[in-house]
Amino acid sequence: MSLSIILVLIILGLILLLIEILILPGTAIIGLAGIGFIIASVYSAYHSLGTEMGHIILSGTIVASILVI
């Protein structure tokens, strides 16, 4: 999986988390889908791009998630 697809999955997951928090609070399906997209993207980064790039993407995703929440 390429880096661009992984970044799209992360952005889509963060957008879904924002929708869950700001627009539709209480609907766990959207929040769980966002978390699922983020987990899938981090897994794909480790699997496709290697450990070093996986660590970079994981740390960036954690920082972005904290900023979103």
Protein backbone atom coordinates (compact mmCIF):
# COMPACT_ATOMS: atom_id res chain seq x y z
CA MET A 1 0.00 0.00 0.00
CA SER A 2 1.39 3.36 -0.95
CA LEU A 3 2.01 6.29 1.36
CA SER A 4 -0.72 8.37 -0.26
CA ILE A 5 -3.40 5.76 0.47
CA ILE A 6 -2.20 5.50 4.07
CA LEU A 7 -2.40 9.29 4.46
CA VAL A 8 -5.89 9.34 2.97
CA LEU A 9 -7.00 6.68 5.47
CA ILE A 10 -5.56 8.70 8.36
CA ILE A 11 -7.24 11.91 7.18
CA LEU A 12 -10.55 10.10 6.65
CA GLY A 13 -10.32 8.60 10.14
CA LEU A 14 -9.62 11.99 11.69
CA ILE A 15 -12.52 13.56 9.79
CA LEU A 16 -14.85 10.84 11.04
CA LEU A 17 -13.65 11.45 14.60
CA LEU A 18 -14.34 15.17 14.18
CA ILE A 19 -17.83 14.41 12.88
CA GLU A 20 -18.40 12.14 15.88
CA ILE A 21 -17.28 14.79 18.35
CA LEU A 22 -18.74 17.95 16.82
CA ILE A 23 -21.74 17.08 14.68
CA LEU A 24 -23.16 13.70 15.73
CA PRO A 25 -22.17 12.99 19.34
CA GLY A 26 -23.50 9.75 20.71
CA THR A 27 -23.42 7.76 17.47
CA ALA A 28 -20.64 5.34 18.17
CA ILE A 29 -20.63 3.87 14.68
CA ILE A 30 -18.96 6.90 13.09
CA GLY A 31 -16.36 7.16 15.85
CA LEU A 32 -15.59 3.45 15.66
CA ALA A 33 -15.25 3.70 11.88
CA GLY A 34 -12.78 6.58 12.30
CA ILE A 35 -10.74 4.62 14.82
CA GLY A 36 -10.86 1.61 12.52
CA PHE A 37 -9.52 3.64 9.60
CA ILE A 38 -6.70 4.99 11.75
CA ILE A 39 -5.74 1.55 13.05
CA ALA A 40 -5.85 0.09 9.53
CA SER A 41 -3.62 2.86 8.19
CA VAL A 42 -1.02 2.42 10.94
CA TYR A 43 -1.04 -1.35 10.41
CA SER A 44 -0.63 -0.85 6.66
CA ALA A 45 2.25 1.55 7.26
CA TYR A 46 4.12 -0.99 9.36
CA HIS A 47 3.34 -3.80 6.94
CA SER A 48 4.12 -2.00 3.69
CA LEU A 49 6.67 0.66 4.54
CA GLY A 50 8.68 -0.94 7.35
CA THR A 51 9.26 -0.37 11.02
CA GLU A 52 10.93 3.04 10.85
CA MET A 53 8.25 4.62 8.68
CA GLY A 54 5.58 2.86 10.75
CA HIS A 55 6.93 4.52 13.89
CA ILE A 56 6.91 7.92 12.18
CA ILE A 57 3.34 7.49 10.97
CA LEU A 58 2.20 6.17 14.35
CA SER A 59 3.68 9.12 16.22
CA GLY A 60 2.23 11.59 13.72
CA THR A 61 -1.18 9.95 13.98
CA ILE A 62 -1.07 10.12 17.79
CA VAL A 63 -0.20 13.83 17.69
CA ALA A 64 -2.90 14.54 15.10
CA SER A 65 -5.50 12.60 17.10
CA ILE A 66 -4.67 14.53 20.25
CA LEU A 67 -4.96 17.82 18.37
CA VAL A 68 -8.33 16.79 16.93
CA ILE A 69 -9.74 15.75 20.28
